[in-house]
Amino acid sequence: MNNPFAAFSHMMPAAGAANPFGMAMPTPWASDMADAFKPSNGQAIQFDPERLAALQNDYTQAAAELWMQGLNAKPQGDRRFAGEAWQNNPMAAFSAASYLLNARTLMALAEAVQGDAKTRARVSFAVQQWIDASAPSNFLAFNAEAQQKAIDTQGESIAKGVANLLHDIRQGHLSMTDEAVFEVGKNVATSEGAVVFENPYFQLIEYKPLTAKVFERPFLLVPPSINKFYILDLQPENSLIRYAVEQGHRTFVVSWRNPDESLSKAQWDDYVEDAVIQAIRVTREITGAPTINALGFCVGGTMLASALGVLAARGEELVNSATFLTTLVDFTDTGVLDVFIDESFVKMREKQFEQGGLMPGRDLATTFSFLRPNDLVWNYVVGNYLKGESPPPFDLLYWNGDSTNLPGPYYAWYLRNMYLENNLIKPGKTRICGQKIDMGKIKIPVYLYGSREDHIVPIGGAYASTQVFKGKKRFVMGASGHIAGVINPASKGKRSFWTAPANHFPAKAQDWIDSATEHKGSWWTDWAAWLKPLAGKQLAAPKQYGKGKTYPVIEPAPGRYVKAKAKA
């Protein structure tokens, strides 16, 4: 990356391009990146001449200053090059400083591209990917810390790095944690309960009460189908499921089946009718409650919203309140994921799955990792392979690597009707389970949560639901990202959350944020206080799971479905 102006026109990686380790870039990253770099109008990239001249002048001056510093140059402001080995190795330090200058210039060039917002976003995304991949820290020949470790260990770190690489090639994905330490049901997903219903799509788990009395209105959680449910039950101290049980809620959760070929033709409608609505019905029948309280997380929230739309169209009042965690209902603001979505991309996926098939969970996981490549890809490439380190055990990253397939037709329908056409918020535009959907008919109380630094469901996208639901609502913003913001146990007292005056829902998220007040600690306590008056009176806690012979215990929690590994 000697000259960013020359590099800019040659940086586009071809589909299947090699990464620094000689392996093909994992799909769908390479193919999607190729699409992402194309201007949406199909024309060549253009720059404002004055802006381009200014950038060239700034780069020339900065490069001259760097050259004058020579081997005394030091890379500043980037933790990848903060170690002593980088600072004490003049050649490595100069290489890193040169890289950072070129990287800044390339990003400035990307931001100076003329065109519509989507074209500019695609160019910036692709350029950032190329910059991150080409960092000198990603190559043993340039990484001063890896070289120093190889010397200190007499080559043992290199041997261990090769062994780590071969291990990851065999298992088919990059190791982010020591996966051998964890076992579902043993030290993750350990809340006590039982499977009380199952069908080809999901198992329904009922959890053992931890209080002498429970609220009469049960509580059902719908996690995202793209992941396993135990993100909500990692450890007792950070389990949202356990927290709900401790608050006195008779708690149920949907545990999705990891799809195989038997579900290769499943549609969005199947998951809404035969999973979400079915789980609502079974929860009511087991408990005898006329209505339930429900929660949806991420895509689980979108499916829950779809189910509520179907029930509203049918005139069925089965749900008393709904909580939506980092959920998109209005897909106007989808953040960085928008760079992948256009008509040609969606048509390609529809063609791919028109006869059925599975969207491999590993491909989806790879795409999400490359939304934050330095943290979720290159950090582990450097540590595992160049330095020969073993990543420490971390339950959240174990869950992150426990991927789940999606039925292809379900995935393709979701792309078109949600991400591309945003049909869910258009009254009567889309049919789900045979019903024309009008989200304005959903009048139940809703609790809406968004994470401030979420890169999958941006805060503006989460907030947009306040303009969709017409009943009583509360919006809360939490600190951190898509997962860490949600899994923020009340007992830890970490981070913050923000609330605004009641019934204050301006059209723009930023206006709400400007009016909000910060509170230290977890949003869980705020949510628990909101849900309590909606849960009804208290009854003696049940002594048994399920309901007699109608819904007998099938097996102990967490059940079989969550333990099944993704198979392409």
Protein backbone atom coordinates (compact mmCIF):
# COMPACT_ATOMS: atom_id res chain seq x y z
CA MET A 1 0.00 0.00 0.00
CA ASN A 2 2.73 2.45 -1.06
CA ASN A 3 0.47 4.98 -2.78
CA PRO A 4 -3.16 5.15 -1.69
CA PHE A 5 -4.21 7.04 -4.82
CA ALA A 6 -2.89 4.31 -7.07
CA ALA A 7 -4.07 1.58 -4.73
CA PHE A 8 -7.64 2.87 -4.65
CA SER A 9 -8.39 1.77 -8.21
CA HIS A 10 -6.82 -1.68 -7.76
CA MET A 11 -7.96 -2.74 -4.32
CA MET A 12 -11.17 -4.59 -5.17
CA PRO A 13 -10.75 -8.24 -4.15
CA ALA A 14 -12.14 -10.73 -6.62
CA ALA A 15 -14.53 -13.39 -5.41
CA GLY A 16 -12.46 -16.11 -3.81
CA ALA A 17 -9.41 -13.84 -3.46
CA ALA A 18 -6.67 -15.12 -1.21
CA ASN A 19 -6.14 -13.69 2.24
CA PRO A 20 -2.67 -13.24 3.76
CA PHE A 21 -2.57 -16.93 4.71
CA GLY A 22 -3.17 -18.31 1.23
CA MET A 23 -6.71 -19.48 1.97
CA ALA A 24 -9.70 -18.39 -0.07
CA MET A 25 -11.69 -15.59 1.51
CA PRO A 26 -14.70 -17.25 3.14
CA THR A 27 -18.00 -16.82 1.41
CA PRO A 28 -20.19 -14.86 1.44
CA TRP A 29 -17.61 -12.18 2.25
CA ALA A 30 -15.70 -12.26 -1.04
CA SER A 31 -18.72 -12.40 -3.32
CA ASP A 32 -20.69 -9.91 -1.27
CA MET A 33 -17.72 -7.57 -1.12
CA ALA A 34 -17.49 -7.59 -4.90
CA ASP A 35 -21.09 -6.45 -5.04
CA ALA A 36 -20.57 -3.99 -2.23
CA PHE A 37 -17.89 -2.08 -4.15
CA LYS A 38 -20.03 -1.49 -7.24
CA PRO A 39 -21.68 1.93 -7.38
CA SER A 40 -25.45 1.47 -7.20
CA ASN A 41 -25.89 3.42 -10.47
CA GLY A 42 -23.43 1.14 -12.30
CA GLN A 43 -21.17 4.07 -13.29
CA ALA A 44 -17.50 4.64 -12.56
CA ILE A 45 -16.56 6.16 -9.23
CA GLN A 46 -16.17 9.95 -9.37
CA PHE A 47 -14.46 12.44 -7.05
CA ASP A 48 -14.84 16.15 -6.56
CA PRO A 49 -11.70 17.58 -8.26
CA GLU A 50 -11.07 20.18 -5.55
CA ARG A 51 -11.48 17.68 -2.75
CA LEU A 52 -9.18 15.22 -4.54
CA ALA A 53 -6.52 17.89 -5.02
CA ALA A 54 -6.70 18.81 -1.33
CA LEU A 55 -6.31 15.19 -0.29
CA GLN A 56 -3.31 14.75 -2.59
CA ASN A 57 -1.72 17.86 -1.14
CA ASP A 58 -2.35 16.73 2.45
CA TYR A 59 -0.95 13.29 1.68
CA THR A 60 2.18 14.71 0.03
CA GLN A 61 2.91 16.88 3.06
CA ALA A 62 2.27 14.09 5.56
CA ALA A 63 4.37 11.64 3.55
CA ALA A 64 7.22 14.15 3.40
CA GLU A 65 7.09 14.62 7.16
CA LEU A 66 7.10 10.87 7.69
CA TRP A 67 10.05 10.49 5.35
CA MET A 68 11.95 13.17 7.26
CA GLN A 69 11.34 11.27 10.49
CA GLY A 70 12.70 8.16 8.81
CA LEU A 71 13.42 5.33 11.21
CA ASN A 72 12.52 7.59 14.12
CA ALA A 73 8.85 7.50 13.09
CA LYS A 74 6.43 6.00 15.61
CA PRO A 75 2.93 4.66 14.91
CA GLN A 76 0.42 6.54 17.04
CA GLY A 77 -3.18 5.96 18.07
CA ASP A 78 -3.62 2.30 17.10
CA ARG A 79 -3.50 -0.49 19.68
CA ARG A 80 -2.32 -3.01 17.06
CA PHE A 81 1.06 -1.23 17.05
CA ALA A 82 1.24 -0.10 20.69
CA GLY A 83 3.51 -2.89 21.97
CA GLU A 84 7.18 -2.39 22.78
CA ALA A 85 8.28 -4.64 19.94
CA TRP A 86 6.72 -2.27 17.42
CA GLN A 87 8.04 0.86 19.12
CA ASN A 88 11.57 -0.52 19.54
CA ASN A 89 11.94 -1.88 16.01
CA PRO A 90 12.63 1.09 13.69
CA MET A 91 11.72 -0.73 10.48
CA ALA A 92 8.50 -2.12 11.94
CA ALA A 93 7.58 1.24 13.42
CA PHE A 94 8.15 3.02 10.10
CA SER A 95 6.12 0.35 8.28
CA ALA A 96 3.22 0.74 10.71
CA ALA A 97 3.35 4.54 10.55
CA SER A 98 3.31 4.41 6.74
CA TYR A 99 0.38 2.02 6.82
CA LEU A 100 -1.62 4.29 9.14
CA LEU A 101 -0.99 7.31 6.91
CA ASN A 102 -2.07 5.42 3.81
CA ALA A 103 -5.09 4.00 5.63
CA ARG A 104 -6.25 7.46 6.71
CA THR A 105 -5.84 8.76 3.18
CA LEU A 106 -7.69 5.85 1.62
CA MET A 107 -10.63 6.34 3.97
CA ALA A 108 -10.64 10.06 3.21
CA LEU A 109 -10.75 9.18 -0.48
CA ALA A 110 -13.65 6.82 0.14
CA GLU A 111 -15.53 9.53 1.99
CA ALA A 112 -14.90 11.93 -0.89
CA VAL A 113 -16.59 9.70 -3.47
CA GLN A 114 -19.44 11.41 -5.27
CA GLY A 115 -22.72 9.58 -5.54
CA ASP A 116 -25.76 8.46 -3.62
CA ALA A 117 -25.53 7.47 0.03
CA LYS A 118 -25.58 3.74 -0.70
CA THR A 119 -22.73 3.97 -3.21
CA ARG A 120 -20.62 5.93 -0.74
CA ALA A 121 -21.38 3.51 2.06
CA ARG A 122 -20.43 0.53 -0.12
CA VAL A 123 -17.16 2.12 -1.18
CA SER A 124 -16.27 3.04 2.41
CA PHE A 125 -17.10 -0.46 3.64
CA ALA A 126 -15.05 -2.18 0.95
CA VAL A 127 -12.09 0.17 1.44
CA GLN A 128 -12.16 -0.39 5.20
CA GLN A 129 -12.17 -4.16 4.66
CA TRP A 130 -9.15 -3.92 2.37
CA ILE A 131 -7.32 -1.62 4.78
CA ASP A 132 -7.92 -3.92 7.74
CA ALA A 133 -6.85 -7.02 5.80
CA SER A 134 -3.62 -5.42 4.56
CA ALA A 135 -2.34 -4.21 7.95
CA PRO A 136 1.33 -5.15 8.51
CA SER A 137 0.32 -6.72 11.83
CA ASN A 138 -1.48 -9.47 9.84
CA PHE A 139 1.75 -10.73 8.24
CA LEU A 140 4.54 -12.58 10.02
CA ALA A 141 7.11 -10.84 7.80
CA PHE A 142 6.07 -7.45 9.21
CA ASN A 143 4.68 -8.18 12.68
CA ALA A 144 7.40 -7.19 15.12
CA GLU A 145 5.64 -8.74 18.13
CA ALA A 146 5.21 -12.11 16.41
CA GLN A 147 8.84 -12.06 15.31
CA GLN A 148 10.04 -11.22 18.82
CA LYS A 149 7.91 -14.02 20.28
CA ALA A 150 9.35 -16.47 17.75
CA ILE A 151 12.84 -15.49 18.89
CA ASP A 152 11.96 -15.66 22.59
CA THR A 153 10.36 -19.11 22.23
CA GLN A 154 13.02 -20.43 19.84
CA GLY A 155 10.42 -20.98 17.15
CA GLU A 156 7.88 -22.73 19.36
CA SER A 157 5.29 -19.99 18.76
CA ILE A 158 5.53 -20.55 15.00
CA ALA A 159 5.07 -24.30 15.40
CA LYS A 160 2.08 -23.71 17.68
CA GLY A 161 0.66 -21.20 15.19
CA VAL A 162 0.85 -23.72 12.36
CA ALA A 163 -0.84 -26.30 14.59
CA ASN A 164 -3.59 -23.79 15.41
CA LEU A 165 -4.06 -23.03 11.72
CA LEU A 166 -4.35 -26.72 10.81
CA HIS A 167 -6.83 -27.21 13.65
CA ASP A 168 -9.02 -24.36 12.41
CA ILE A 169 -8.89 -25.62 8.82
CA ARG A 170 -10.09 -29.03 10.01
CA GLN A 171 -12.93 -27.57 12.09
CA GLY A 172 -13.89 -25.14 9.34
CA HIS A 173 -13.80 -21.87 11.26
CA LEU A 174 -11.51 -19.49 13.11
CA SER A 175 -11.18 -20.24 16.82
CA MET A 176 -12.19 -17.34 19.04
CA THR A 177 -12.20 -19.28 22.29
CA ASP A 178 -11.25 -22.65 23.72
CA GLU A 179 -14.35 -24.52 22.60
CA ALA A 180 -13.33 -27.73 24.39
CA VAL A 181 -14.01 -26.08 27.75
CA PHE A 182 -17.74 -25.66 27.15
CA GLU A 183 -20.62 -28.11 26.85
CA VAL A 184 -24.24 -27.05 26.42
CA GLY A 185 -26.20 -28.17 29.45
CA LYS A 186 -23.07 -28.63 31.57
CA ASN A 187 -21.56 -25.16 31.96
CA VAL A 188 -23.70 -23.06 29.57
CA ALA A 189 -27.51 -23.20 29.31
CA THR A 190 -27.75 -24.62 32.81
CA SER A 191 -31.01 -23.12 34.12
CA GLU A 192 -33.18 -25.95 35.42
CA GLY A 193 -36.23 -26.79 33.34
CA ALA A 194 -37.82 -29.25 30.97
CA VAL A 195 -38.90 -29.52 27.34
CA VAL A 196 -42.71 -29.66 27.37
CA PHE A 197 -43.46 -29.46 23.64
CA GLU A 198 -41.67 -29.98 20.36
CA ASN A 199 -42.38 -29.99 16.64
CA PRO A 200 -40.08 -29.93 13.58
CA TYR A 201 -39.26 -26.25 14.16
CA PHE A 202 -38.67 -25.79 17.89
CA GLN A 203 -38.76 -27.16 21.38
CA LEU A 204 -40.57 -25.26 24.12
CA ILE A 205 -38.70 -25.19 27.44
CA GLU A 206 -40.41 -24.41 30.73
CA TYR A 207 -38.14 -23.32 33.60
CA LYS A 208 -38.36 -24.30 37.24
CA PRO A 209 -39.74 -21.48 39.42
CA LEU A 210 -37.32 -19.95 41.91
CA THR A 211 -40.03 -18.17 43.91
CA ALA A 212 -42.86 -19.55 46.05
CA LYS A 213 -45.37 -17.63 43.93
CA VAL A 214 -45.43 -16.80 40.24
CA PHE A 215 -47.38 -14.27 38.24
CA GLU A 216 -50.52 -15.64 36.63
CA ARG A 217 -49.55 -14.39 33.18
CA PRO A 218 -46.62 -16.47 31.81
CA PHE A 219 -43.60 -15.10 30.00
CA LEU A 220 -42.36 -16.44 26.65
CA LEU A 221 -38.98 -15.60 25.08
CA VAL A 222 -38.43 -15.87 21.31
CA PRO A 223 -34.68 -15.75 20.56
CA PRO A 224 -33.24 -15.18 17.08
CA SER A 225 -33.43 -18.23 14.82
CA ILE A 226 -29.98 -17.41 13.46
CA ASN A 227 -28.46 -18.28 16.86
CA LYS A 228 -28.97 -20.68 19.73
CA PHE A 229 -31.22 -19.54 22.59
CA TYR A 230 -28.61 -19.89 25.31
CA ILE A 231 -27.20 -16.42 24.70
CA LEU A 232 -30.03 -15.67 27.13
CA ASP A 233 -28.75 -18.32 29.56
CA LEU A 234 -24.96 -18.41 29.39
CA GLN A 235 -24.16 -18.54 33.10
CA PRO A 236 -26.39 -18.14 36.18
CA GLU A 237 -24.92 -14.70 36.89
CA ASN A 238 -25.63 -13.28 33.40
CA SER A 239 -28.75 -15.22 32.42
CA LEU A 240 -31.73 -13.10 31.38
CA ILE A 241 -33.84 -16.26 31.59
CA ARG A 242 -32.82 -16.87 35.19
CA TYR A 243 -33.41 -13.19 35.99
CA ALA A 244 -36.97 -13.41 34.66
CA VAL A 245 -37.59 -16.55 36.75
CA GLU A 246 -36.18 -14.80 39.83
CA GLN A 247 -38.65 -11.96 39.30
CA GLY A 248 -41.49 -14.45 39.67
CA HIS A 249 -42.39 -14.99 36.03
CA ARG A 250 -43.40 -18.48 34.89
CA THR A 251 -40.89 -18.55 32.07
CA PHE A 252 -40.81 -20.39 28.74
CA VAL A 253 -38.34 -20.15 25.87
CA VAL A 254 -38.33 -21.22 22.23
CA SER A 255 -35.33 -23.43 21.41
CA TRP A 256 -34.94 -23.50 17.64
CA ARG A 257 -34.08 -26.65 15.78
CA ASN A 258 -30.85 -26.42 13.81
CA PRO A 259 -32.29 -26.91 10.30
CA ASP A 260 -31.26 -29.85 8.15
CA GLU A 261 -32.54 -30.96 4.75
CA SER A 262 -35.96 -31.78 6.22
CA LEU A 263 -36.50 -28.02 6.70
CA SER A 264 -34.84 -26.92 3.46
CA LYS A 265 -38.16 -25.68 2.02
CA ALA A 266 -39.47 -23.98 5.18
CA GLN A 267 -40.84 -20.47 4.72
CA TRP A 268 -41.17 -17.40 6.92
CA ASP A 269 -44.87 -18.25 7.28
CA ASP A 270 -43.99 -21.68 8.68
CA TYR A 271 -41.82 -20.17 11.39
CA VAL A 272 -44.45 -17.60 12.31
CA GLU A 273 -47.44 -19.99 12.35
CA ASP A 274 -45.90 -23.28 13.44
CA ALA A 275 -43.29 -21.87 15.78
CA VAL A 276 -44.00 -18.42 17.26
CA ILE A 277 -47.80 -18.58 17.26
CA GLN A 278 -47.70 -22.25 18.23
CA ALA A 279 -45.41 -21.43 21.17
CA ILE A 280 -47.84 -18.71 22.27
CA ARG A 281 -50.77 -21.12 22.12
CA VAL A 282 -48.99 -23.92 23.98
CA THR A 283 -47.77 -21.54 26.69
CA ARG A 284 -51.36 -20.38 27.23
CA GLU A 285 -52.70 -23.92 27.31
CA ILE A 286 -50.10 -25.17 29.79
CA THR A 287 -50.63 -22.28 32.19
CA GLY A 288 -54.34 -21.73 31.63
CA ALA A 289 -53.76 -18.00 31.20
CA PRO A 290 -55.88 -16.23 28.55
CA THR A 291 -52.93 -14.06 27.49
CA ILE A 292 -49.16 -14.12 27.90
CA ASN A 293 -46.31 -11.63 27.96
CA ALA A 294 -43.74 -12.18 25.20
CA LEU A 295 -40.22 -11.09 24.35
CA GLY A 296 -38.42 -11.19 21.00
CA PHE A 297 -34.69 -10.69 20.50
CA CYS A 298 -33.27 -9.52 17.15
CA VAL A 299 -34.78 -11.64 14.33
CA GLY A 300 -36.86 -13.34 17.01
CA GLY A 301 -38.39 -9.94 17.63
CA THR A 302 -39.17 -9.48 13.94
CA MET A 303 -40.86 -12.88 13.91
CA LEU A 304 -42.77 -12.00 17.08
CA ALA A 305 -43.92 -8.73 15.47
CA SER A 306 -45.03 -10.72 12.40
CA ALA A 307 -46.95 -13.12 14.64
CA LEU A 308 -48.63 -10.22 16.46
CA GLY A 309 -49.61 -8.77 13.08
CA VAL A 310 -51.16 -12.09 12.07
CA LEU A 311 -53.05 -12.43 15.36
CA ALA A 312 -54.29 -8.83 15.11
CA ALA A 313 -55.57 -9.51 11.58
CA ARG A 314 -57.41 -12.58 12.88
CA GLY A 315 -58.83 -10.73 15.84
CA GLU A 316 -57.11 -13.02 18.33
CA GLU A 317 -55.93 -11.44 21.57
CA LEU A 318 -53.38 -13.91 22.89
CA VAL A 319 -50.51 -11.60 23.90
CA ASN A 320 -50.84 -8.98 26.63
CA SER A 321 -47.50 -7.19 26.14
CA ALA A 322 -44.36 -7.52 24.05
CA THR A 323 -40.72 -6.70 24.64
CA PHE A 324 -38.45 -6.17 21.63
CA LEU A 325 -34.69 -6.31 22.16
CA THR A 326 -32.46 -4.89 19.39
CA THR A 327 -35.21 -5.63 16.87
CA LEU A 328 -35.88 -4.25 13.40
CA VAL A 329 -39.54 -3.82 12.49
CA ASP A 330 -39.01 -0.76 10.30
CA PHE A 331 -36.01 -1.62 8.08
CA THR A 332 -35.28 1.91 6.89
CA ASP A 333 -32.06 2.09 8.92
CA THR A 334 -30.22 -1.24 8.77
CA GLY A 335 -26.74 0.18 9.26
CA VAL A 336 -23.74 -1.42 7.60
CA LEU A 337 -25.71 -4.49 6.47
CA ASP A 338 -27.38 -2.26 3.88
CA VAL A 339 -24.22 -2.40 1.76
CA PHE A 340 -25.05 -5.99 0.83
CA ILE A 341 -28.72 -5.54 -0.02
CA ASP A 342 -29.99 -4.60 -3.46
CA GLU A 343 -32.27 -6.11 -6.07
CA SER A 344 -29.55 -8.15 -7.76
CA PHE A 345 -28.31 -9.63 -4.49
CA VAL A 346 -31.81 -10.60 -3.37
CA LYS A 347 -32.66 -12.07 -6.76
CA MET A 348 -29.49 -14.13 -6.59
CA ARG A 349 -30.51 -15.55 -3.22
CA GLU A 350 -34.07 -16.20 -4.44
CA LYS A 351 -32.71 -18.06 -7.46
CA GLN A 352 -30.34 -20.02 -5.25
CA PHE A 353 -33.16 -21.20 -2.99
CA GLU A 354 -36.12 -21.43 -5.36
CA GLN A 355 -36.07 -25.23 -5.03
CA GLY A 356 -35.18 -25.12 -1.34
CA GLY A 357 -31.84 -25.48 0.40
CA LEU A 358 -30.02 -24.26 3.49
CA MET A 359 -28.20 -21.02 4.17
CA PRO A 360 -25.15 -22.28 6.11
CA GLY A 361 -24.83 -20.78 9.54
CA ARG A 362 -21.07 -20.54 9.10
CA ASP A 363 -21.48 -18.21 6.11
CA LEU A 364 -23.79 -15.96 8.09
CA ALA A 365 -21.39 -15.95 11.04
CA THR A 366 -18.51 -15.01 8.74
CA THR A 367 -20.45 -12.08 7.32
CA PHE A 368 -21.26 -10.76 10.79
CA SER A 369 -17.64 -11.16 11.88
CA PHE A 370 -16.44 -9.06 8.97
CA LEU A 371 -18.66 -6.21 10.10
CA ARG A 372 -16.00 -5.76 12.81
CA PRO A 373 -12.99 -7.47 11.22
CA ASN A 374 -10.21 -6.17 13.46
CA ASP A 375 -11.99 -7.35 16.62
CA LEU A 376 -13.61 -10.53 15.32
CA VAL A 377 -11.22 -11.76 12.60
CA TRP A 378 -7.72 -10.32 12.39
CA ASN A 379 -7.24 -10.13 16.14
CA TYR A 380 -7.59 -13.92 16.31
CA VAL A 381 -5.61 -14.54 13.12
CA VAL A 382 -2.67 -12.68 14.62
CA GLY A 383 -2.96 -14.26 18.07
CA ASN A 384 -3.71 -17.82 16.98
CA TYR A 385 -1.47 -18.19 13.93
CA LEU A 386 1.30 -15.59 14.04
CA LYS A 387 1.92 -15.66 17.79
CA GLY A 388 0.85 -19.26 18.45
CA GLU A 389 -1.45 -18.28 21.30
CA SER A 390 -4.54 -20.19 22.40
CA PRO A 391 -7.63 -18.02 22.90
CA PRO A 392 -8.93 -18.11 26.47
CA PRO A 393 -12.31 -19.67 27.35
CA PHE A 394 -15.17 -17.19 26.91
CA ASP A 395 -18.78 -18.35 27.02
CA LEU A 396 -20.13 -15.61 24.76
CA LEU A 397 -17.61 -16.38 22.01
CA TYR A 398 -18.34 -20.09 22.35
CA TRP A 399 -22.01 -19.28 21.70
CA ASN A 400 -21.01 -17.02 18.82
CA GLY A 401 -19.22 -19.94 17.16
CA ASP A 402 -22.11 -22.39 17.69
CA SER A 403 -23.73 -21.54 14.37
CA THR A 404 -27.25 -22.29 13.13
CA ASN A 405 -28.39 -22.85 9.56
CA LEU A 406 -31.42 -21.12 8.08
CA PRO A 407 -33.90 -22.55 5.58
CA GLY A 408 -33.07 -20.91 2.25
CA PRO A 409 -36.65 -19.89 1.29
CA TYR A 410 -37.16 -18.37 4.76
CA TYR A 411 -33.93 -16.40 4.37
CA ALA A 412 -34.71 -15.19 0.84
CA TRP A 413 -38.23 -14.04 1.81
CA TYR A 414 -36.80 -12.18 4.79
CA LEU A 415 -34.23 -10.41 2.61
CA ARG A 416 -36.80 -9.18 0.10
CA ASN A 417 -39.72 -8.31 2.33
CA MET A 418 -37.78 -6.87 5.22
CA TYR A 419 -34.33 -5.61 4.20
CA LEU A 420 -35.02 -4.70 0.57
CA GLU A 421 -38.67 -3.61 0.41
CA ASN A 422 -39.45 -2.87 4.09
CA ASN A 423 -42.92 -4.30 3.64
CA LEU A 424 -43.75 -5.09 7.26
CA ILE A 425 -44.57 -1.46 8.08
CA LYS A 426 -46.65 -0.90 4.93
CA PRO A 427 -50.29 -1.63 5.80
CA GLY A 428 -51.67 -4.42 3.64
CA LYS A 429 -48.49 -4.69 1.56
CA THR A 430 -47.41 -8.13 2.71
CA ARG A 431 -49.26 -11.31 3.56
CA ILE A 432 -48.05 -13.57 6.35
CA CYS A 433 -49.88 -16.80 7.13
CA GLY A 434 -52.60 -15.73 4.69
CA GLN A 435 -53.26 -12.41 6.45
CA LYS A 436 -52.67 -8.88 5.21
CA ILE A 437 -50.47 -7.30 7.83
CA ASP A 438 -51.14 -3.90 9.36
CA MET A 439 -48.80 -3.25 12.28
CA GLY A 440 -50.98 -0.30 13.29
CA LYS A 441 -53.54 -2.79 14.59
CA ILE A 442 -51.16 -3.97 17.32
CA LYS A 443 -52.27 -1.94 20.33
CA ILE A 444 -50.70 -3.89 23.21
CA PRO A 445 -48.06 -2.26 25.48
CA VAL A 446 -44.52 -2.68 24.14
CA TYR A 447 -41.07 -2.25 25.64
CA LEU A 448 -38.46 -1.37 23.04
CA TYR A 449 -34.74 -1.69 23.73
CA GLY A 450 -31.83 -0.61 21.50
CA SER A 451 -28.06 -0.70 22.08
CA ARG A 452 -26.16 2.53 21.46
CA GLU A 453 -23.18 0.94 19.65
CA ASP A 454 -25.08 -1.85 17.90
CA HIS A 455 -23.61 -2.57 14.44
CA ILE A 456 -26.28 -5.11 13.47
CA VAL A 457 -29.45 -3.30 14.58
CA PRO A 458 -28.36 0.36 14.76
CA ILE A 459 -29.96 2.48 17.43
CA GLY A 460 -31.95 4.39 14.80
CA GLY A 461 -33.38 1.14 13.49
CA ALA A 462 -34.39 -0.05 16.95
CA TYR A 463 -35.91 3.33 17.79
CA ALA A 464 -37.95 3.38 14.56
CA SER A 465 -40.35 0.86 16.11
CA THR A 466 -41.66 3.68 18.32
CA GLN A 467 -43.27 5.12 15.20
CA VAL A 468 -44.82 1.77 14.22
CA PHE A 469 -46.56 0.50 17.37
CA LYS A 470 -49.62 2.54 18.33
CA GLY A 471 -50.24 1.35 21.89
CA LYS A 472 -48.48 2.36 25.09
CA LYS A 473 -44.75 2.04 24.73
CA ARG A 474 -41.45 2.60 26.43
CA PHE A 475 -38.11 2.97 24.68
CA VAL A 476 -34.81 2.43 26.47
CA MET A 477 -31.29 2.72 25.10
CA GLY A 478 -28.47 0.72 26.63
CA ALA A 479 -24.73 1.11 26.38
CA SER A 480 -22.48 -1.18 24.31
CA GLY A 481 -23.39 -3.37 21.34
CA HIS A 482 -25.80 -5.95 19.98
CA ILE A 483 -24.99 -8.67 22.52
CA ALA A 484 -23.09 -7.02 25.38
CA GLY A 485 -25.75 -4.32 25.65
CA VAL A 486 -28.52 -6.90 26.06
CA ILE A 487 -26.61 -9.32 28.29
CA ASN A 488 -25.91 -6.78 31.03
CA PRO A 489 -26.98 -8.38 34.32
CA ALA A 490 -28.49 -6.16 36.97
CA SER A 491 -26.31 -7.67 39.69
CA LYS A 492 -23.11 -6.39 38.08
CA GLY A 493 -24.11 -2.71 38.08
CA LYS A 494 -22.16 -2.14 34.86
CA ARG A 495 -22.66 0.27 31.98
CA SER A 496 -25.62 2.62 31.67
CA PHE A 497 -29.03 2.99 30.11
CA TRP A 498 -31.02 6.01 28.98
CA THR A 499 -34.69 6.93 29.28
CA ALA A 500 -36.69 9.94 28.12
CA PRO A 501 -39.92 11.51 29.42
CA ALA A 502 -43.01 9.33 29.09
CA ASN A 503 -44.84 9.49 25.77
CA HIS A 504 -41.98 11.44 24.21
CA PHE A 505 -41.29 9.82 20.85
CA PRO A 506 -40.03 12.32 18.26
CA ALA A 507 -39.66 11.08 14.69
CA LYS A 508 -35.85 11.05 14.80
CA ALA A 509 -33.82 8.87 17.14
CA GLN A 510 -31.24 11.62 17.72
CA ASP A 511 -33.93 13.95 19.04
CA TRP A 512 -34.93 11.27 21.55
CA ILE A 513 -31.29 10.71 22.53
CA ASP A 514 -30.80 14.45 23.05
CA SER A 515 -33.69 14.48 25.52
CA ALA A 516 -32.73 11.28 27.35
CA THR A 517 -31.35 10.92 30.87
CA GLU A 518 -28.54 8.51 31.71
CA HIS A 519 -28.90 5.98 34.53
CA LYS A 520 -26.02 3.90 35.85
CA GLY A 521 -26.40 0.14 35.76
CA SER A 522 -28.46 -2.33 33.74
CA TRP A 523 -31.67 -1.72 31.86
CA TRP A 524 -32.91 -5.07 33.25
CA THR A 525 -34.21 -3.38 36.41
CA ASP A 526 -36.16 -0.83 34.37
CA TRP A 527 -37.67 -3.59 32.25
CA ALA A 528 -38.60 -5.68 35.30
CA ALA A 529 -40.42 -2.71 36.82
CA TRP A 530 -42.28 -2.16 33.52
CA LEU A 531 -43.32 -5.80 33.15
CA LYS A 532 -44.44 -6.45 36.75
CA PRO A 533 -47.81 -4.63 36.60
CA LEU A 534 -48.55 -6.38 33.29
CA ALA A 535 -48.03 -9.86 34.74
CA GLY A 536 -51.25 -10.10 36.79
CA LYS A 537 -51.76 -11.43 40.28
CA GLN A 538 -49.53 -13.98 41.93
CA LEU A 539 -50.33 -17.67 42.29
CA ALA A 540 -48.65 -20.60 43.99
CA ALA A 541 -45.74 -21.79 41.85
CA PRO A 542 -46.46 -25.00 39.94
CA LYS A 543 -44.97 -28.22 41.29
CA GLN A 544 -44.62 -29.89 37.89
CA TYR A 545 -43.62 -28.95 34.36
CA GLY A 546 -46.08 -28.96 31.48
CA LYS A 547 -49.68 -30.07 31.83
CA GLY A 548 -50.39 -33.71 32.60
CA LYS A 549 -50.72 -36.04 29.64
CA THR A 550 -51.50 -33.16 27.27
CA TYR A 551 -48.06 -31.59 27.59
CA PRO A 552 -45.82 -34.09 29.40
CA VAL A 553 -42.12 -33.64 30.05
CA ILE A 554 -40.19 -34.77 26.98
CA GLU A 555 -36.66 -34.36 28.35
CA PRO A 556 -34.69 -32.11 30.73
CA ALA A 557 -33.61 -28.65 29.61
CA PRO A 558 -31.82 -27.55 27.52
CA GLY A 559 -33.10 -30.34 25.25
CA ARG A 560 -31.78 -32.01 22.10
CA TYR A 561 -32.39 -29.27 19.56
CA VAL A 562 -29.93 -26.78 21.01
CA LYS A 563 -27.15 -29.39 21.07
CA ALA A 564 -27.38 -30.18 17.34
CA LYS A 565 -24.49 -28.73 15.33
CA ALA A 566 -25.04 -26.99 12.01
CA LYS A 567 -24.72 -29.25 8.98
CA ALA A 568 -24.65 -27.86 5.48
